[in-house]
Each structure stands twice: as C-alpha cells, then as structure tokens.
PDB file of N, CA and C in Angstrom:
ATOM      1  N   MET A   1     147.511 147.813  25.896  1.00  0.00           N
ATOM      2  CA  MET A   1     148.196 147.344  27.088  1.00  0.00           C
ATOM      3  C   MET A   1     149.315 146.388  26.678  1.00  0.00           C
ATOM      4  N   TYR A   2     150.312 146.329  27.537  1.00  0.00           N
ATOM      5  CA  TYR A   2     151.516 145.567  27.243  1.00  0.00           C
ATOM      6  C   TYR A   2     151.830 144.721  28.473  1.00  0.00           C
ATOM      7  N   GLU A   3     151.852 143.392  28.352  1.00  0.00           N
ATOM      8  CA  GLU A   3     152.186 142.533  29.494  1.00  0.00           C
ATOM      9  C   GLU A   3     153.691 142.389  29.591  1.00  0.00           C
ATOM     10  N   HIS A   4     154.215 142.661  30.783  1.00  0.00           N
ATOM     11  CA  HIS A   4     155.657 142.595  31.001  1.00  0.00           C
ATOM     12  C   HIS A   4     155.944 141.688  32.192  1.00  0.00           C
ATOM     13  N   PHE A   5     156.880 140.764  32.021  1.00  0.00           N
ATOM     14  CA  PHE A   5     157.289 139.835  33.077  1.00  0.00           C
ATOM     15  C   PHE A   5     158.598 140.312  33.687  1.00  0.00           C
ATOM     16  N   PHE A   6     158.689 140.226  35.011  1.00  0.00           N
ATOM     17  CA  PHE A   6     159.901 140.648  35.714  1.00  0.00           C
ATOM     18  C   PHE A   6     159.963 139.974  37.078  1.00  0.00           C
ATOM     19  N   GLN A   7     161.062 140.173  37.778  1.00  0.00           N
ATOM     20  CA  GLN A   7     161.276 139.564  39.089  1.00  0.00           C
ATOM     21  C   GLN A   7     160.987 140.593  40.187  1.00  0.00           C
ATOM     22  N   CYS A   8     160.178 140.195  41.172  1.00  0.00           N
ATOM     23  CA  CYS A   8     159.867 141.076  42.291  1.00  0.00           C
ATOM     24  C   CYS A   8     161.145 141.383  43.074  1.00  0.00           C
ATOM     25  N   PRO A   9     161.385 142.651  43.422  1.00  0.00           N
ATOM     26  CA  PRO A   9     162.596 143.009  44.165  1.00  0.00           C
ATOM     27  C   PRO A   9     162.556 142.582  45.642  1.00  0.00           C
ATOM     28  N   TYR A  10     161.428 142.043  46.100  1.00  0.00           N
ATOM     29  CA  TYR A  10     161.306 141.576  47.484  1.00  0.00           C
ATOM     30  C   TYR A  10     161.385 140.053  47.585  1.00  0.00           C
ATOM     31  N   CYS A  11     160.463 139.368  46.909  1.00  0.00           N
ATOM     32  CA  CYS A  11     160.360 137.909  47.058  1.00  0.00           C
ATOM     33  C   CYS A  11     161.058 137.149  45.929  1.00  0.00           C
ATOM     34  N   TRP A  12     161.514 137.852  44.899  1.00  0.00           N
ATOM     35  CA  TRP A  12     162.256 137.317  43.758  1.00  0.00           C
ATOM     36  C   TRP A  12     161.442 136.375  42.874  1.00  0.00           C
ATOM     37  N   GLU A  13     160.121 136.346  43.077  1.00  0.00           N
ATOM     38  CA  GLU A  13     159.257 135.541  42.211  1.00  0.00           C
ATOM     39  C   GLU A  13     159.074 136.256  40.870  1.00  0.00           C
ATOM     40  N   ASN A  14     158.916 135.473  39.817  1.00  0.00           N
ATOM     41  CA  ASN A  14     158.607 136.047  38.505  1.00  0.00           C
ATOM     42  C   ASN A  14     157.128 136.395  38.474  1.00  0.00           C
ATOM     43  N   ILE A  15     156.830 137.644  38.150  1.00  0.00           N
ATOM     44  CA  ILE A  15     155.457 138.122  38.075  1.00  0.00           C
ATOM     45  C   ILE A  15     155.281 138.897  36.774  1.00  0.00           C
ATOM     46  N   SER A  16     154.040 139.217  36.466  1.00  0.00           N
ATOM     47  CA  SER A  16     153.781 140.037  35.285  1.00  0.00           C
ATOM     48  C   SER A  16     152.800 141.140  35.659  1.00  0.00           C
ATOM     49  N   MET A  17     152.889 142.231  34.946  1.00  0.00           N
ATOM     50  CA  MET A  17     151.957 143.343  35.112  1.00  0.00           C
ATOM     51  C   MET A  17     151.624 143.897  33.738  1.00  0.00           C
ATOM     52  N   LEU A  18     150.432 144.457  33.636  1.00  0.00           N
ATOM     53  CA  LEU A  18     150.024 145.113  32.401  1.00  0.00           C
ATOM     54  C   LEU A  18     150.469 146.567  32.445  1.00  0.00           C
ATOM     55  N   LEU A  19     151.177 146.987  31.418  1.00  0.00           N
ATOM     56  CA  LEU A  19     151.687 148.352  31.325  1.00  0.00           C
ATOM     57  C   LEU A  19     150.922 149.088  30.235  1.00  0.00           C
ATOM     58  N   ASP A  20     150.673 150.372  30.460  1.00  0.00           N
ATOM     59  CA  ASP A  20     149.942 151.201  29.507  1.00  0.00           C
ATOM     60  C   ASP A  20     150.928 151.809  28.508  1.00  0.00           C
ATOM     61  N   ALA A  21     150.944 151.277  27.297  1.00  0.00           N
ATOM     62  CA  ALA A  21     151.883 151.734  26.271  1.00  0.00           C
ATOM     63  C   ALA A  21     151.476 153.061  25.650  1.00  0.00           C
ATOM     64  N   SER A  22     150.303 153.574  25.981  1.00  0.00           N
ATOM     65  CA  SER A  22     149.860 154.845  25.394  1.00  0.00           C
ATOM     66  C   SER A  22     150.471 156.057  26.093  1.00  0.00           C
ATOM     67  N   VAL A  23     151.125 155.841  27.245  1.00  0.00           N
ATOM     68  CA  VAL A  23     151.785 156.924  27.981  1.00  0.00           C
ATOM     69  C   VAL A  23     153.292 156.707  27.866  1.00  0.00           C
ATOM     70  N   ALA A  24     154.006 157.688  27.333  1.00  0.00           N
ATOM     71  CA  ALA A  24     155.432 157.522  27.026  1.00  0.00           C
ATOM     72  C   ALA A  24     156.282 157.247  28.257  1.00  0.00           C
ATOM     73  N   ASN A  25     156.120 158.034  29.320  1.00  0.00           N
ATOM     74  CA  ASN A  25     156.925 157.876  30.533  1.00  0.00           C
ATOM     75  C   ASN A  25     156.005 157.797  31.741  1.00  0.00           C
ATOM     76  N   GLN A  26     156.223 156.789  32.573  1.00  0.00           N
ATOM     77  CA  GLN A  26     155.396 156.614  33.761  1.00  0.00           C
ATOM     78  C   GLN A  26     156.242 156.196  34.949  1.00  0.00           C
ATOM     79  N   THR A  27     155.816 156.629  36.134  1.00  0.00           N
ATOM     80  CA  THR A  27     156.344 156.139  37.396  1.00  0.00           C
ATOM     81  C   THR A  27     155.145 155.938  38.301  1.00  0.00           C
ATOM     82  N   TYR A  28     155.000 154.744  38.819  1.00  0.00           N
ATOM     83  CA  TYR A  28     153.872 154.474  39.699  1.00  0.00           C
ATOM     84  C   TYR A  28     154.184 153.298  40.613  1.00  0.00           C
ATOM     85  N   ILE A  29     153.307 153.061  41.577  1.00  0.00           N
ATOM     86  CA  ILE A  29     153.474 152.013  42.576  1.00  0.00           C
ATOM     87  C   ILE A  29     152.412 150.939  42.355  1.00  0.00           C
ATOM     88  N   GLU A  30     152.853 149.685  42.332  1.00  0.00           N
ATOM     89  CA  GLU A  30     151.954 148.519  42.263  1.00  0.00           C
ATOM     90  C   GLU A  30     152.435 147.523  43.318  1.00  0.00           C
ATOM     91  N   ASP A  31     151.503 146.797  43.895  1.00  0.00           N
ATOM     92  CA  ASP A  31     151.872 145.764  44.859  1.00  0.00           C
ATOM     93  C   ASP A  31     152.179 144.460  44.130  1.00  0.00           C
ATOM     94  N   CYS A  32     153.164 143.731  44.639  1.00  0.00           N
ATOM     95  CA  CYS A  32     153.488 142.412  44.106  1.00  0.00           C
ATOM     96  C   CYS A  32     152.289 141.489  44.326  1.00  0.00           C
ATOM     97  N   GLU A  33     151.935 140.725  43.308  1.00  0.00           N
ATOM     98  CA  GLU A  33     150.788 139.819  43.420  1.00  0.00           C
ATOM     99  C   GLU A  33     151.099 138.599  44.284  1.00  0.00           C
ATOM    100  N   ILE A  34     152.362 138.376  44.608  1.00  0.00           N
ATOM    101  CA  ILE A  34     152.752 137.237  45.444  1.00  0.00           C
ATOM    102  C   ILE A  34     152.926 137.658  46.909  1.00  0.00           C
ATOM    103  N   CYS A  35     153.801 138.650  47.153  1.00  0.00           N
ATOM    104  CA  CYS A  35     154.135 139.023  48.536  1.00  0.00           C
ATOM    105  C   CYS A  35     153.449 140.309  49.007  1.00  0.00           C
ATOM    106  N   CYS A  36     152.767 141.006  48.109  1.00  0.00           N
ATOM    107  CA  CYS A  36     151.994 142.224  48.406  1.00  0.00           C
ATOM    108  C   CYS A  36     152.820 143.441  48.806  1.00  0.00           C
ATOM    109  N   ASN A  37     154.128 143.398  48.636  1.00  0.00           N
ATOM    110  CA  ASN A  37     154.960 144.571  48.920  1.00  0.00           C
ATOM    111  C   ASN A  37     154.863 145.564  47.774  1.00  0.00           C
ATOM    112  N   PRO A  38     154.998 146.870  48.070  1.00  0.00           N
ATOM    113  CA  PRO A  38     154.901 147.893  47.023  1.00  0.00           C
ATOM    114  C   PRO A  38     156.162 147.956  46.161  1.00  0.00           C
ATOM    115  N   ILE A  39     155.956 148.015  44.860  1.00  0.00           N
ATOM    116  CA  ILE A  39     157.059 148.083  43.898  1.00  0.00           C
ATOM    117  C   ILE A  39     156.920 149.383  43.110  1.00  0.00           C
ATOM    118  N   GLU A  40     158.018 150.138  43.031  1.00  0.00           N
ATOM    119  CA  GLU A  40     158.024 151.337  42.198  1.00  0.00           C
ATOM    120  C   GLU A  40     158.390 150.927  40.775  1.00  0.00           C
ATOM    121  N   LEU A  41     157.473 151.169  39.861  1.00  0.00           N
ATOM    122  CA  LEU A  41     157.677 150.825  38.454  1.00  0.00           C
ATOM    123  C   LEU A  41     157.942 152.091  37.659  1.00  0.00           C
ATOM    124  N   ARG A  42     158.954 152.039  36.809  1.00  0.00           N
ATOM    125  CA  ARG A  42     159.254 153.139  35.893  1.00  0.00           C
ATOM    126  C   ARG A  42     159.309 152.553  34.491  1.00  0.00           C
ATOM    127  N   THR A  43     158.523 153.141  33.601  1.00  0.00           N
ATOM    128  CA  THR A  43     158.481 152.645  32.226  1.00  0.00           C
ATOM    129  C   THR A  43     158.712 153.782  31.245  1.00  0.00           C
ATOM    130  N   GLN A  44     159.268 153.413  30.105  1.00  0.00           N
ATOM    131  CA  GLN A  44     159.423 154.372  29.011  1.00  0.00           C
ATOM    132  C   GLN A  44     159.103 153.643  27.708  1.00  0.00           C
ATOM    133  N   PHE A  45     158.185 154.229  26.945  1.00  0.00           N
ATOM    134  CA  PHE A  45     157.778 153.686  25.657  1.00  0.00           C
ATOM    135  C   PHE A  45     158.101 154.682  24.558  1.00  0.00           C
ATOM    136  N   VAL A  46     158.506 154.179  23.407  1.00  0.00           N
ATOM    137  CA  VAL A  46     158.665 154.974  22.200  1.00  0.00           C
ATOM    138  C   VAL A  46     157.885 154.250  21.108  1.00  0.00           C
ATOM    139  N   ASP A  47     156.945 154.949  20.507  1.00  0.00           N
ATOM    140  CA  ASP A  47     156.068 154.352  19.488  1.00  0.00           C
ATOM    141  C   ASP A  47     155.436 153.062  20.001  1.00  0.00           C
ATOM    142  N   ARG A  48     154.985 153.114  21.266  1.00  0.00           N
ATOM    143  CA  ARG A  48     154.311 151.989  21.933  1.00  0.00           C
ATOM    144  C   ARG A  48     155.205 150.767  22.141  1.00  0.00           C
ATOM    145  N   GLU A  49     156.514 150.952  21.987  1.00  0.00           N
ATOM    146  CA  GLU A  49     157.497 149.886  22.216  1.00  0.00           C
ATOM    147  C   GLU A  49     158.226 150.181  23.525  1.00  0.00           C
ATOM    148  N   LEU A  50     158.254 149.210  24.435  1.00  0.00           N
ATOM    149  CA  LEU A  50     158.922 149.386  25.723  1.00  0.00           C
ATOM    150  C   LEU A  50     160.425 149.458  25.512  1.00  0.00           C
ATOM    151  N   ILE A  51     161.027 150.574  25.923  1.00  0.00           N
ATOM    152  CA  ILE A  51     162.481 150.710  25.771  1.00  0.00           C
ATOM    153  C   ILE A  51     163.210 150.747  27.105  1.00  0.00           C
ATOM    154  N   SER A  52     162.456 151.002  28.204  1.00  0.00           N
ATOM    155  CA  SER A  52     163.083 151.042  29.527  1.00  0.00           C
ATOM    156  C   SER A  52     162.066 150.604  30.574  1.00  0.00           C
ATOM    157  N   PHE A  53     162.517 149.744  31.508  1.00  0.00           N
ATOM    158  CA  PHE A  53     161.667 149.286  32.592  1.00  0.00           C
ATOM    159  C   PHE A  53     162.523 149.039  33.814  1.00  0.00           C
ATOM    160  N   THR A  54     162.092 149.573  34.972  1.00  0.00           N
ATOM    161  CA  THR A  54     162.741 149.245  36.239  1.00  0.00           C
ATOM    162  C   THR A  54     161.667 148.948  37.265  1.00  0.00           C
ATOM    163  N   ALA A  55     161.977 148.026  38.165  1.00  0.00           N
ATOM    164  CA  ALA A  55     161.089 147.671  39.272  1.00  0.00           C
ATOM    165  C   ALA A  55     161.938 147.678  40.532  1.00  0.00           C
ATOM    166  N   ASN A  56     161.679 148.649  41.412  1.00  0.00           N
ATOM    167  CA  ASN A  56     162.491 148.825  42.611  1.00  0.00           C
ATOM    168  C   ASN A  56     161.648 148.702  43.876  1.00  0.00           C
ATOM    169  N   SER A  57     162.314 148.237  44.935  1.00  0.00           N
ATOM    170  CA  SER A  57     161.652 148.192  46.229  1.00  0.00           C
ATOM    171  C   SER A  57     161.494 149.635  46.752  1.00  0.00           C
ATOM    172  N   ILE A  58     160.529 149.807  47.613  1.00  0.00           N
ATOM    173  CA  ILE A  58     160.262 151.116  48.225  1.00  0.00           C
ATOM    174  C   ILE A  58     160.893 151.111  49.615  1.00  0.00           C
ATOM    175  N   GLU A  59     161.754 152.076  49.866  1.00  0.00           N
ATOM    176  CA  GLU A  59     162.373 152.161  51.191  1.00  0.00           C
ATOM    177  C   GLU A  59     161.346 152.642  52.198  1.00  0.00           C
ATOM    178  N   GLN A  60     161.225 151.901  53.293  1.00  0.00           N
ATOM    179  CA  GLN A  60     160.229 152.235  54.312  1.00  0.00           C
ATOM    180  C   GLN A  60     160.887 152.599  55.610  1.00  0.00           C
TER     181      GLN A  60
END
C-alpha cells in the first residue's frame, strides 16, 4: 500500500488515502474523510511507483 496526500476537490482540506500499488491502473470512488463528498481517484503505477494521480469531483 502507498499513502498519498492530496487536496479534496470539494472542501480543499489536505487528506490522505492508501493506494494499492500492486494494480498498475485504477479508477475508483472514495469519499473525502472530512466533507464526505465522493472523489473520483485515478492512479497509475509503474514498478509500484506512483507516476500519475488525479482526484476529481463527481458531477451530480
């Protein structure tokens, strides 16, 4: 697992999430631990090294 810190696209608080480095490309939804809004996370790992990360708000 890989801990990554980033800013929530809703409340702008700095938060962290554990990312699974064993899967090369992932897209999934996690709720912000502060404001509870859903965040779309996209990750890309190469040799278990994070090379791309985005955290976007979900249009409702």
